[in-house]
Amino acid sequence: MVTTFRPLNITWELLPDDYILPDDLLNYRTHPALASALNEILSTAHRIPEMAITGTNYGICATVNGKLVIKAPDWFYVPQVTVPKDVINRSYTPRLQGDTPTVVMEFISHTEGGEYSTKPTYPPGKWFFYEQVLQVPHYIIFEPDAPRLEVYRLERGRYNLREDGEGDPHQRTDRYWIPELNLALGVWEGTWQERTGYWLRWWDEGGNLLLFGSELAAQEHQRAEAAQREAEAAQREAAAERRKTEQLLAQLRAAGLEPDWGANP
């Protein structure tokens, strides 16, 4: 059955200064860590353009049929804002302050958060808001405990679930290519900042895993140690060659011979 919605009157207004934001957004301690990991990797790889922003539990506003609606995704990415970033300090209003988010993510916890809610009446469900109001191109739902990653793409005004690994240029069935970011998204298991479990990670167009700052530092340390070991090995080899030459000279002189190597000793 095809669901139909009545026309929406959508306007874009700033959040009033005296509007009290809900204080129960961070209802699961894993979520901020997952979002922080996504941001940290992009920042380390210099993949956040100057006028782009990312947000974590940060209110996105729209006025629907005369009523203000605010949703705070667990993570989102806006490719370009049109106002100074320091002005966007409590919430973000698309169209009025910049582009519509390209990617919105919700992380599922044991607490039902309505990630699949298509409720059109006020206050609308998250799915409805992202699909019908904001019209975000990519809606991603991640359950870290499973793990389960669902990537939806907006097609003809509706979200369609992408097949496993659909679009990845390296034919990896565990990654999803997001052309607007020129990156692939997938699930990675490991430890970061004292949390061991499943994470979302980025891969570049070459299929290379983008690294955390700590991983990059460890990699550079390993390279420095390897270079030092190579230099020390070269020094030992050169010293061994000098010893051989000195021994040969000593043997020749002991035999009453004085080598004459001229210009090529």
Protein backbone atom coordinates (compact mmCIF):
# COMPACT_ATOMS: atom_id res chain seq x y z
CA MET A 1 0.00 0.00 0.00
CA VAL A 2 1.34 3.41 -0.98
CA THR A 3 1.17 6.02 1.75
CA THR A 4 0.06 9.47 0.65
CA PHE A 5 0.56 12.68 2.60
CA ARG A 6 -1.34 15.92 2.45
CA PRO A 7 0.59 18.95 1.16
CA LEU A 8 2.89 20.55 3.70
CA ASN A 9 3.44 24.24 4.22
CA ILE A 10 7.14 24.34 5.10
CA THR A 11 8.97 27.52 6.09
CA TRP A 12 12.41 28.08 7.54
CA GLU A 13 12.82 30.20 10.66
CA LEU A 14 15.51 30.62 13.26
CA LEU A 15 15.07 29.05 16.67
CA PRO A 16 13.93 31.73 19.13
CA ASP A 17 16.59 32.72 21.63
CA ASP A 18 14.30 31.87 24.53
CA TYR A 19 13.34 28.44 23.20
CA ILE A 20 14.21 25.78 25.75
CA LEU A 21 15.83 22.79 24.11
CA PRO A 22 15.06 19.36 25.60
CA ASP A 23 17.76 18.08 27.92
CA ASP A 24 17.17 14.37 27.29
CA LEU A 25 18.83 14.10 23.89
CA LEU A 26 21.89 12.21 25.10
CA ASN A 27 19.98 9.18 26.32
CA TYR A 28 22.59 6.59 25.44
CA ARG A 29 26.26 7.00 26.22
CA THR A 30 27.47 5.12 23.14
CA HIS A 31 25.91 7.57 20.70
CA PRO A 32 28.19 10.56 21.36
CA ALA A 33 31.23 8.29 21.00
CA LEU A 34 30.04 6.98 17.62
CA ALA A 35 29.41 10.49 16.36
CA SER A 36 32.70 11.78 17.76
CA ALA A 37 34.54 9.02 15.92
CA LEU A 38 32.98 10.04 12.59
CA ASN A 39 33.94 13.67 13.16
CA GLU A 40 37.44 12.92 14.38
CA ILE A 41 38.27 10.79 11.36
CA LEU A 42 36.94 13.36 8.87
CA SER A 43 38.81 16.16 10.62
CA THR A 44 42.08 14.21 10.78
CA ALA A 45 41.81 13.43 7.05
CA HIS A 46 40.95 17.09 6.27
CA ARG A 47 37.66 15.95 4.75
CA ILE A 48 35.47 18.69 6.22
CA PRO A 49 35.55 21.69 3.84
CA GLU A 50 35.80 25.16 5.31
CA MET A 51 32.10 25.96 4.88
CA ALA A 52 30.78 22.48 5.76
CA ILE A 53 29.52 21.53 9.21
CA THR A 54 28.77 18.34 11.09
CA GLY A 55 26.39 18.09 14.02
CA THR A 56 25.83 15.71 16.90
CA ASN A 57 22.52 15.84 18.80
CA TYR A 58 22.15 19.30 17.35
CA GLY A 59 18.72 20.70 16.57
CA ILE A 60 17.65 20.99 12.91
CA CYS A 61 14.66 23.29 12.58
CA ALA A 62 11.77 23.67 10.18
CA THR A 63 8.35 25.23 10.57
CA VAL A 64 5.69 22.82 9.32
CA ASN A 65 2.13 24.06 8.89
CA GLY A 66 2.92 26.97 11.17
CA LYS A 67 4.47 24.87 13.95
CA LEU A 68 8.16 24.71 14.78
CA VAL A 69 9.66 21.22 14.48
CA ILE A 70 13.09 20.35 15.84
CA LYS A 71 14.88 17.05 15.41
CA ALA A 72 18.37 16.36 16.71
CA PRO A 73 19.99 13.56 14.68
CA ASP A 74 22.80 11.59 16.25
CA TRP A 75 24.99 12.82 13.39
CA PHE A 76 24.52 14.91 10.26
CA TYR A 77 26.60 16.56 7.55
CA VAL A 78 25.86 19.84 5.78
CA PRO A 79 28.07 20.50 2.73
CA GLN A 80 27.86 24.29 2.88
CA VAL A 81 26.53 26.94 5.21
CA THR A 82 25.92 30.52 4.16
CA VAL A 83 26.40 32.21 7.51
CA PRO A 84 29.43 32.33 9.83
CA LYS A 85 29.78 29.09 11.76
CA ASP A 86 29.88 30.88 15.11
CA VAL A 87 26.33 32.09 14.41
CA ILE A 88 25.11 28.48 14.28
CA ASN A 89 25.54 27.89 17.99
CA ARG A 90 22.25 26.34 19.19
CA SER A 91 20.49 24.96 16.16
CA TYR A 92 20.58 24.87 12.39
CA THR A 93 17.86 25.99 9.98
CA PRO A 94 18.31 24.73 6.40
CA ARG A 95 17.66 27.07 3.46
CA LEU A 96 17.96 30.01 5.84
CA GLN A 97 21.52 29.24 7.04
CA GLY A 98 22.78 26.91 4.34
CA ASP A 99 22.21 23.66 2.51
CA THR A 100 19.96 20.82 3.53
CA PRO A 101 21.94 18.08 5.27
CA THR A 102 23.38 15.56 2.83
CA VAL A 103 23.53 12.77 5.40
CA VAL A 104 21.55 12.19 8.57
CA MET A 105 22.29 9.32 10.96
CA GLU A 106 20.38 7.82 13.84
CA PHE A 107 21.91 5.28 16.22
CA ILE A 108 19.48 2.78 17.71
CA SER A 109 19.69 1.99 21.41
CA HIS A 110 17.54 -0.08 23.72
CA THR A 111 15.34 2.97 24.10
CA GLU A 112 12.86 3.35 21.25
CA GLY A 113 13.65 6.59 19.47
CA GLY A 114 11.21 6.47 16.59
CA GLU A 115 13.87 6.21 13.88
CA TYR A 116 11.31 4.56 11.60
CA SER A 117 8.36 6.77 12.51
CA THR A 118 6.45 8.11 9.49
CA LYS A 119 3.92 9.90 11.67
CA PRO A 120 2.88 12.99 9.65
CA THR A 121 0.93 14.82 12.37
CA TYR A 122 2.56 17.18 14.84
CA PRO A 123 5.10 16.44 16.08
CA PRO A 124 6.09 14.41 13.00
CA GLY A 125 8.21 11.27 13.23
CA LYS A 126 11.91 11.30 12.45
CA TRP A 127 11.56 9.33 9.21
CA PHE A 128 8.81 11.62 7.99
CA PHE A 129 10.76 14.75 8.94
CA TYR A 130 13.96 13.68 7.18
CA GLU A 131 12.16 12.29 4.12
CA GLN A 132 9.26 14.65 3.54
CA VAL A 133 10.30 17.91 5.21
CA LEU A 134 14.09 18.12 4.96
CA GLN A 135 14.35 15.69 2.03
CA VAL A 136 17.80 14.51 3.13
CA PRO A 137 19.44 12.45 0.34
CA HIS A 138 20.90 9.78 2.66
CA TYR A 139 19.26 8.52 5.86
CA ILE A 140 21.39 6.04 7.81
CA ILE A 141 20.26 3.93 10.75
CA PHE A 142 22.90 2.07 12.75
CA GLU A 143 22.40 -0.39 15.58
CA PRO A 144 25.89 -0.81 17.12
CA ASP A 145 25.03 -3.72 19.38
CA ALA A 146 23.88 -5.97 16.51
CA PRO A 147 25.61 -4.62 14.47
CA ARG A 148 23.15 -3.58 11.78
CA LEU A 149 23.64 -0.82 9.24
CA GLU A 150 20.79 0.38 7.03
CA VAL A 151 21.42 2.99 4.35
CA TYR A 152 18.42 4.63 2.69
CA ARG A 153 18.56 6.83 -0.38
CA LEU A 154 15.93 9.38 -1.31
CA GLU A 155 14.45 8.42 -4.67
CA ARG A 156 11.36 10.11 -6.10
CA GLY A 157 10.49 11.51 -2.70
CA ARG A 158 10.74 8.23 -0.79
CA TYR A 159 13.52 6.45 1.08
CA ASN A 160 14.59 3.17 -0.49
CA LEU A 161 16.84 0.71 1.31
CA ARG A 162 20.13 0.22 -0.50
CA GLU A 163 21.41 -3.27 -1.11
CA ASP A 164 24.46 -4.41 0.87
CA GLY A 165 27.46 -2.47 -0.37
CA GLU A 166 25.52 -0.88 -3.22
CA GLY A 167 27.54 1.68 -5.12
CA ASP A 168 30.93 0.92 -3.58
CA PRO A 169 33.54 1.31 -6.35
CA HIS A 170 35.62 -1.54 -4.92
CA GLN A 171 32.71 -4.00 -4.92
CA ARG A 172 32.82 -4.33 -1.15
CA THR A 173 29.48 -5.61 0.09
CA ASP A 174 30.09 -4.20 3.55
CA ARG A 175 30.47 -0.57 2.48
CA TYR A 176 28.18 2.06 1.01
CA TRP A 177 29.47 4.75 -1.30
CA ILE A 178 28.22 8.28 -0.57
CA PRO A 179 29.11 10.34 -3.65
CA GLU A 180 28.45 13.72 -2.01
CA LEU A 181 31.26 13.00 0.46
CA ASN A 182 33.36 10.99 -1.99
CA LEU A 183 33.67 8.40 0.75
CA ALA A 184 32.37 4.95 1.61
CA LEU A 185 30.77 4.11 4.95
CA GLY A 186 31.00 0.76 6.67
CA VAL A 187 31.15 -1.07 9.99
CA TRP A 188 34.45 -1.62 11.79
CA GLU A 189 35.10 -3.61 14.96
CA GLY A 190 37.78 -2.43 17.33
CA THR A 191 38.73 -0.20 20.25
CA TRP A 192 38.87 3.59 20.36
CA GLN A 193 38.86 5.84 23.41
CA GLU A 194 38.33 2.96 25.83
CA ARG A 195 35.27 1.63 24.00
CA THR A 196 35.48 -1.77 22.30
CA GLY A 197 32.73 -2.67 19.88
CA TYR A 198 31.32 -1.82 16.48
CA TRP A 199 31.86 1.59 14.91
CA LEU A 200 31.09 3.37 11.68
CA ARG A 201 34.22 4.17 9.67
CA TRP A 202 35.06 5.94 6.41
CA TRP A 203 37.01 4.60 3.40
CA ASP A 204 38.34 6.84 0.64
CA GLU A 205 37.99 6.50 -3.12
CA GLY A 206 41.08 4.27 -3.19
CA GLY A 207 39.56 1.84 -0.71
CA ASN A 208 41.85 2.99 2.10
CA LEU A 209 40.55 3.19 5.64
CA LEU A 210 40.67 6.74 6.99
CA LEU A 211 42.50 6.72 10.30
CA PHE A 212 41.88 8.09 13.74
CA GLY A 213 44.44 10.62 14.87
CA SER A 214 45.84 8.05 17.33
CA GLU A 215 46.11 5.44 14.55
CA LEU A 216 47.85 7.94 12.29
CA ALA A 217 50.32 8.85 15.07
CA ALA A 218 51.00 5.15 15.73
CA GLN A 219 51.53 4.56 12.01
CA GLU A 220 53.97 7.46 11.78
CA HIS A 221 55.78 6.15 14.88
CA GLN A 222 56.11 2.72 13.28
CA ARG A 223 57.44 4.29 10.09
CA ALA A 224 59.98 6.33 12.07
CA GLU A 225 61.09 3.23 13.97
CA ALA A 226 61.41 1.26 10.70
CA ALA A 227 63.45 4.09 9.14
CA GLN A 228 65.70 4.17 12.22
CA ARG A 229 66.19 0.40 12.05
CA GLU A 230 67.11 0.67 8.36
CA ALA A 231 69.57 3.48 9.09
CA GLU A 232 71.15 1.50 11.93
CA ALA A 233 71.41 -1.59 9.70
CA ALA A 234 73.09 0.51 6.99
CA GLN A 235 75.54 1.88 9.56
CA ARG A 236 76.35 -1.64 10.77
CA GLU A 237 76.88 -2.82 7.20
CA ALA A 238 79.16 0.15 6.45
CA ALA A 239 81.13 -0.51 9.66
CA ALA A 240 81.49 -4.19 8.70
CA GLU A 241 82.81 -3.19 5.26
CA ARG A 242 85.34 -0.84 6.86
CA ARG A 243 86.53 -3.62 9.15
CA LYS A 244 86.98 -5.96 6.20
CA THR A 245 88.99 -3.31 4.34
CA GLU A 246 91.15 -2.64 7.38
CA GLN A 247 91.79 -6.38 7.85
CA LEU A 248 92.77 -6.74 4.17
CA LEU A 249 95.18 -3.81 4.41
CA ALA A 250 96.71 -5.26 7.55
CA GLN A 251 97.22 -8.64 5.83
CA LEU A 252 98.83 -7.04 2.77
CA ARG A 253 101.17 -4.94 4.85
CA ALA A 254 102.09 -7.93 6.98
CA ALA A 255 103.14 -9.61 3.73
CA GLY A 256 105.32 -6.63 2.85
CA LEU A 257 102.93 -5.26 0.28
CA GLU A 258 101.61 -1.74 0.13
CA PRO A 259 98.44 -1.45 -1.92
CA ASP A 260 98.35 1.30 -4.51
CA TRP A 261 94.69 1.90 -5.41
CA GLY A 262 95.27 5.29 -6.92
CA ALA A 263 92.07 7.17 -7.49
CA ASN A 264 89.95 4.08 -6.85
CA PRO A 265 90.91 2.68 -3.46
